PDB file of N, CA and C in Angstrom:
ATOM      1  N   MET A   1     101.366 112.118  66.107  1.00  0.00           N
ATOM      2  CA  MET A   1     102.539 112.410  66.874  1.00  0.00           C
ATOM      3  C   MET A   1     103.343 113.540  66.318  1.00  0.00           C
ATOM      4  N   PHE A   2     103.446 113.667  64.930  1.00  0.00           N
ATOM      5  CA  PHE A   2     104.123 114.800  64.430  1.00  0.00           C
ATOM      6  C   PHE A   2     103.413 116.091  64.533  1.00  0.00           C
ATOM      7  N   PHE A   3     102.037 116.110  64.666  1.00  0.00           N
ATOM      8  CA  PHE A   3     101.301 117.190  64.906  1.00  0.00           C
ATOM      9  C   PHE A   3     101.382 117.718  66.202  1.00  0.00           C
ATOM     10  N   SER A   4     101.554 116.853  67.217  1.00  0.00           N
ATOM     11  CA  SER A   4     101.727 117.249  68.566  1.00  0.00           C
ATOM     12  C   SER A   4     102.947 117.988  68.793  1.00  0.00           C
ATOM     13  N   ARG A   5     104.051 117.671  68.030  1.00  0.00           N
ATOM     14  CA  ARG A   5     105.388 118.176  68.044  1.00  0.00           C
ATOM     15  C   ARG A   5     105.286 119.693  67.553  1.00  0.00           C
ATOM     16  N   LYS A   6     104.577 119.930  66.372  1.00  0.00           N
ATOM     17  CA  LYS A   6     104.366 121.068  65.702  1.00  0.00           C
ATOM     18  C   LYS A   6     103.566 121.964  66.737  1.00  0.00           C
ATOM     19  N   LEU A   7     102.511 121.435  67.344  1.00  0.00           N
ATOM     20  CA  LEU A   7     101.757 122.290  68.333  1.00  0.00           C
ATOM     21  C   LEU A   7     102.516 122.708  69.529  1.00  0.00           C
ATOM     22  N   GLU A   8     103.371 121.801  70.056  1.00  0.00           N
ATOM     23  CA  GLU A   8     104.214 121.993  71.228  1.00  0.00           C
ATOM     24  C   GLU A   8     105.139 123.069  70.837  1.00  0.00           C
ATOM     25  N   ALA A   9     105.804 123.059  69.652  1.00  0.00           N
ATOM     26  CA  ALA A   9     106.789 124.136  69.292  1.00  0.00           C
ATOM     27  C   ALA A   9     105.950 125.497  69.121  1.00  0.00           C
ATOM     28  N   PHE A  10     104.817 125.415  68.488  1.00  0.00           N
ATOM     29  CA  PHE A  10     104.089 126.731  68.439  1.00  0.00           C
ATOM     30  C   PHE A  10     103.730 127.177  69.804  1.00  0.00           C
ATOM     31  N   MET A  11     103.238 126.529  70.734  1.00  0.00           N
ATOM     32  CA  MET A  11     102.896 127.023  72.076  1.00  0.00           C
ATOM     33  C   MET A  11     104.115 127.467  72.783  1.00  0.00           C
ATOM     34  N   ALA A  12     105.370 126.879  72.592  1.00  0.00           N
ATOM     35  CA  ALA A  12     106.506 127.324  73.240  1.00  0.00           C
ATOM     36  C   ALA A  12     106.963 128.697  72.552  1.00  0.00           C
ATOM     37  N   VAL A  13     106.798 128.870  71.371  1.00  0.00           N
ATOM     38  CA  VAL A  13     107.252 130.124  70.625  1.00  0.00           C
ATOM     39  C   VAL A  13     106.279 131.163  71.202  1.00  0.00           C
ATOM     40  N   VAL A  14     104.984 130.874  71.279  1.00  0.00           N
ATOM     41  CA  VAL A  14     103.972 131.901  71.827  1.00  0.00           C
ATOM     42  C   VAL A  14     104.269 132.364  73.192  1.00  0.00           C
ATOM     43  N   GLU A  15     104.501 131.305  74.066  1.00  0.00           N
ATOM     44  CA  GLU A  15     104.762 131.594  75.465  1.00  0.00           C
ATOM     45  C   GLU A  15     106.214 132.388  75.639  1.00  0.00           C
ATOM     46  N   GLN A  16     107.286 132.009  74.877  1.00  0.00           N
ATOM     47  CA  GLN A  16     108.512 132.581  75.043  1.00  0.00           C
ATOM     48  C   GLN A  16     108.784 133.774  74.235  1.00  0.00           C
ATOM     49  N   GLY A  17     107.984 133.963  73.141  1.00  0.00           N
ATOM     50  CA  GLY A  17     108.133 135.162  72.208  1.00  0.00           C
ATOM     51  C   GLY A  17     109.442 135.159  71.376  1.00  0.00           C
ATOM     52  N   SER A  18     110.032 134.048  71.430  1.00  0.00           N
ATOM     53  CA  SER A  18     111.378 133.874  70.757  1.00  0.00           C
ATOM     54  C   SER A  18     111.579 132.426  70.214  1.00  0.00           C
ATOM     55  N   LEU A  19     112.176 132.312  69.209  1.00  0.00           N
ATOM     56  CA  LEU A  19     112.365 130.934  68.624  1.00  0.00           C
ATOM     57  C   LEU A  19     113.555 130.355  69.427  1.00  0.00           C
ATOM     58  N   CYS A  20     114.556 131.105  69.694  1.00  0.00           N
ATOM     59  CA  CYS A  20     115.664 130.607  70.484  1.00  0.00           C
ATOM     60  C   CYS A  20     115.335 130.215  71.832  1.00  0.00           C
ATOM     61  N   LYS A  21     114.523 131.027  72.492  1.00  0.00           N
ATOM     62  CA  LYS A  21     114.125 130.737  73.993  1.00  0.00           C
ATOM     63  C   LYS A  21     113.111 129.483  73.833  1.00  0.00           C
ATOM     64  N   ALA A  22     112.236 129.369  72.921  1.00  0.00           N
ATOM     65  CA  ALA A  22     111.407 128.223  72.765  1.00  0.00           C
ATOM     66  C   ALA A  22     112.303 127.001  72.539  1.00  0.00           C
ATOM     67  N   ALA A  23     113.283 127.050  71.716  1.00  0.00           N
ATOM     68  CA  ALA A  23     114.124 125.868  71.445  1.00  0.00           C
ATOM     69  C   ALA A  23     114.810 125.496  72.683  1.00  0.00           C
ATOM     70  N   ARG A  24     115.417 126.362  73.709  1.00  0.00           N
ATOM     71  CA  ARG A  24     116.024 126.145  74.841  1.00  0.00           C
ATOM     72  C   ARG A  24     114.968 125.267  75.775  1.00  0.00           C
ATOM     73  N   ILE A  25     113.756 125.679  75.818  1.00  0.00           N
ATOM     74  CA  ILE A  25     112.922 124.989  76.808  1.00  0.00           C
ATOM     75  C   ILE A  25     112.497 123.692  76.310  1.00  0.00           C
ATOM     76  N   LEU A  26     112.528 123.571  74.927  1.00  0.00           N
ATOM     77  CA  LEU A  26     112.115 122.152  74.260  1.00  0.00           C
ATOM     78  C   LEU A  26     113.263 121.277  74.134  1.00  0.00           C
ATOM     79  N   HIS A  27     114.457 121.705  74.713  1.00  0.00           N
ATOM     80  CA  HIS A  27     115.861 120.939  74.484  1.00  0.00           C
ATOM     81  C   HIS A  27     116.117 120.632  73.128  1.00  0.00           C
ATOM     82  N   ARG A  28     115.913 121.606  72.238  1.00  0.00           N
ATOM     83  CA  ARG A  28     116.354 121.476  70.903  1.00  0.00           C
ATOM     84  C   ARG A  28     117.112 122.678  70.413  1.00  0.00           C
ATOM     85  N   THR A  29     117.726 122.769  69.176  1.00  0.00           N
ATOM     86  CA  THR A  29     118.228 123.744  68.646  1.00  0.00           C
ATOM     87  C   THR A  29     117.210 124.488  67.762  1.00  0.00           C
ATOM     88  N   ALA A  30     117.514 125.834  67.469  1.00  0.00           N
ATOM     89  CA  ALA A  30     116.552 126.709  66.783  1.00  0.00           C
ATOM     90  C   ALA A  30     116.153 126.311  65.474  1.00  0.00           C
ATOM     91  N   PRO A  31     116.971 125.753  64.626  1.00  0.00           N
ATOM     92  CA  PRO A  31     116.558 125.308  63.334  1.00  0.00           C
ATOM     93  C   PRO A  31     115.577 124.177  63.226  1.00  0.00           C
ATOM     94  N   PRO A  32     115.521 123.214  64.066  1.00  0.00           N
ATOM     95  CA  PRO A  32     114.377 122.215  64.037  1.00  0.00           C
ATOM     96  C   PRO A  32     113.100 122.757  64.437  1.00  0.00           C
ATOM     97  N   VAL A  33     113.244 123.725  65.452  1.00  0.00           N
ATOM     98  CA  VAL A  33     112.012 124.242  65.963  1.00  0.00           C
ATOM     99  C   VAL A  33     111.421 125.137  64.792  1.00  0.00           C
ATOM    100  N   ALA A  34     112.315 125.961  64.143  1.00  0.00           N
ATOM    101  CA  ALA A  34     111.856 126.855  63.115  1.00  0.00           C
ATOM    102  C   ALA A  34     111.170 125.987  61.970  1.00  0.00           C
ATOM    103  N   LYS A  35     111.725 124.699  61.779  1.00  0.00           N
ATOM    104  CA  LYS A  35     111.108 123.954  60.776  1.00  0.00           C
ATOM    105  C   LYS A  35     109.768 123.488  61.150  1.00  0.00           C
ATOM    106  N   LEU A  36     109.576 123.077  62.403  1.00  0.00           N
ATOM    107  CA  LEU A  36     108.308 122.679  62.953  1.00  0.00           C
ATOM    108  C   LEU A  36     107.226 123.793  62.779  1.00  0.00           C
ATOM    109  N   ILE A  37     107.625 125.002  63.212  1.00  0.00           N
ATOM    110  CA  ILE A  37     106.769 126.159  62.936  1.00  0.00           C
ATOM    111  C   ILE A  37     106.534 126.419  61.432  1.00  0.00           C
ATOM    112  N   LYS A  38     107.365 126.253  60.682  1.00  0.00           N
ATOM    113  CA  LYS A  38     107.120 126.561  59.138  1.00  0.00           C
ATOM    114  C   LYS A  38     106.280 125.342  58.626  1.00  0.00           C
ATOM    115  N   ASP A  39     106.377 124.189  58.993  1.00  0.00           N
ATOM    116  CA  ASP A  39     105.476 123.011  58.752  1.00  0.00           C
ATOM    117  C   ASP A  39     104.134 123.104  59.106  1.00  0.00           C
ATOM    118  N   PHE A  40     104.043 123.737  60.552  1.00  0.00           N
ATOM    119  CA  PHE A  40     102.710 123.896  61.038  1.00  0.00           C
ATOM    120  C   PHE A  40     101.954 124.922  60.208  1.00  0.00           C
ATOM    121  N   GLU A  41     102.663 126.030  59.916  1.00  0.00           N
ATOM    122  CA  GLU A  41     102.066 127.158  59.116  1.00  0.00           C
ATOM    123  C   GLU A  41     101.442 126.433  57.733  1.00  0.00           C
ATOM    124  N   ALA A  42     102.388 125.541  57.117  1.00  0.00           N
ATOM    125  CA  ALA A  42     102.004 125.094  55.945  1.00  0.00           C
ATOM    126  C   ALA A  42     100.860 124.143  55.948  1.00  0.00           C
ATOM    127  N   VAL A  43     100.726 123.259  57.055  1.00  0.00           N
ATOM    128  CA  VAL A  43      99.616 122.470  57.298  1.00  0.00           C
ATOM    129  C   VAL A  43      98.263 123.334  57.409  1.00  0.00           C
ATOM    130  N   LEU A  44      98.389 124.433  58.157  1.00  0.00           N
ATOM    131  CA  LEU A  44      97.185 125.217  58.462  1.00  0.00           C
ATOM    132  C   LEU A  44      96.851 126.220  57.293  1.00  0.00           C
ATOM    133  N   GLY A  45      97.887 126.346  56.418  1.00  0.00           N
ATOM    134  CA  GLY A  45      97.924 127.256  55.256  1.00  0.00           C
ATOM    135  C   GLY A  45      97.760 128.772  55.852  1.00  0.00           C
ATOM    136  N   LYS A  46      98.323 128.946  56.911  1.00  0.00           N
ATOM    137  CA  LYS A  46      98.262 130.387  57.587  1.00  0.00           C
ATOM    138  C   LYS A  46      99.627 130.719  57.952  1.00  0.00           C
ATOM    139  N   THR A  47      99.995 132.087  57.871  1.00  0.00           N
ATOM    140  CA  THR A  47     101.146 132.584  58.495  1.00  0.00           C
ATOM    141  C   THR A  47     101.011 132.949  59.987  1.00  0.00           C
ATOM    142  N   LEU A  48     101.517 132.310  60.929  1.00  0.00           N
ATOM    143  CA  LEU A  48     101.124 132.310  62.341  1.00  0.00           C
ATOM    144  C   LEU A  48     101.921 133.362  63.032  1.00  0.00           C
ATOM    145  N   PHE A  49     103.156 133.709  62.626  1.00  0.00           N
ATOM    146  CA  PHE A  49     103.995 134.587  63.272  1.00  0.00           C
ATOM    147  C   PHE A  49     104.637 135.716  62.306  1.00  0.00           C
ATOM    148  N   LYS A  50     104.849 136.895  62.819  1.00  0.00           N
ATOM    149  CA  LYS A  50     105.599 137.884  62.190  1.00  0.00           C
ATOM    150  C   LYS A  50     107.052 137.715  62.774  1.00  0.00           C
ATOM    151  N   ARG A  51     107.887 137.604  61.893  1.00  0.00           N
ATOM    152  CA  ARG A  51     109.337 137.309  62.448  1.00  0.00           C
ATOM    153  C   ARG A  51     110.026 138.784  62.522  1.00  0.00           C
ATOM    154  N   LYS A  52     110.492 139.018  63.616  1.00  0.00           N
ATOM    155  CA  LYS A  52     111.200 140.304  63.881  1.00  0.00           C
ATOM    156  C   LYS A  52     112.622 139.918  64.513  1.00  0.00           C
ATOM    157  N   LYS A  53     113.518 140.859  64.561  1.00  0.00           N
ATOM    158  CA  LYS A  53     114.901 140.718  65.089  1.00  0.00           C
ATOM    159  C   LYS A  53     114.678 140.611  66.636  1.00  0.00           C
ATOM    160  N   SER A  54     113.569 141.176  67.086  1.00  0.00           N
ATOM    161  CA  SER A  54     113.366 141.208  68.498  1.00  0.00           C
ATOM    162  C   SER A  54     112.607 139.836  69.080  1.00  0.00           C
ATOM    163  N   GLY A  55     112.027 139.077  68.194  1.00  0.00           N
ATOM    164  CA  GLY A  55     111.340 137.820  68.333  1.00  0.00           C
ATOM    165  C   GLY A  55     110.272 137.570  67.384  1.00  0.00           C
ATOM    166  N   MET A  56     109.404 136.926  67.857  1.00  0.00           N
ATOM    167  CA  MET A  56     108.218 136.317  66.973  1.00  0.00           C
ATOM    168  C   MET A  56     106.976 136.828  67.598  1.00  0.00           C
ATOM    169  N   ILE A  57     106.220 137.499  66.741  1.00  0.00           N
ATOM    170  CA  ILE A  57     104.819 138.034  67.182  1.00  0.00           C
ATOM    171  C   ILE A  57     103.845 137.395  66.421  1.00  0.00           C
ATOM    172  N   LEU A  58     102.799 137.034  67.195  1.00  0.00           N
ATOM    173  CA  LEU A  58     101.533 136.298  66.616  1.00  0.00           C
ATOM    174  C   LEU A  58     100.882 137.291  65.601  1.00  0.00           C
ATOM    175  N   THR A  59     100.431 136.777  64.433  1.00  0.00           N
ATOM    176  CA  THR A  59      99.672 137.397  63.493  1.00  0.00           C
ATOM    177  C   THR A  59      98.193 137.203  64.027  1.00  0.00           C
ATOM    178  N   LYS A  60      97.230 137.885  63.198  1.00  0.00           N
ATOM    179  CA  LYS A  60      95.729 137.594  63.554  1.00  0.00           C
ATOM    180  C   LYS A  60      95.453 136.220  63.408  1.00  0.00           C
ATOM    181  N   GLU A  61      96.009 135.452  62.280  1.00  0.00           N
ATOM    182  CA  GLU A  61      95.684 134.122  62.196  1.00  0.00           C
ATOM    183  C   GLU A  61      96.277 133.162  63.349  1.00  0.00           C
ATOM    184  N   GLY A  62      97.389 133.683  63.899  1.00  0.00           N
ATOM    185  CA  GLY A  62      98.027 132.978  64.980  1.00  0.00           C
ATOM    186  C   GLY A  62      97.196 133.020  66.246  1.00  0.00           C
TER     187      GLY A  62
END
């Protein structure tokens, strides 16, 4: 169940290109979504996104 939330957050950020926009469509605030992404990266042992002021960009690993 927790893995599916992480995957859902990951996919939302990929689709929206932004943590804040992803949080909006997930009906959450940005900090919990950011934690899900951080936890997902920790589980996989990879950095999935490059964080920029303009949004989040997938890395090669992502």
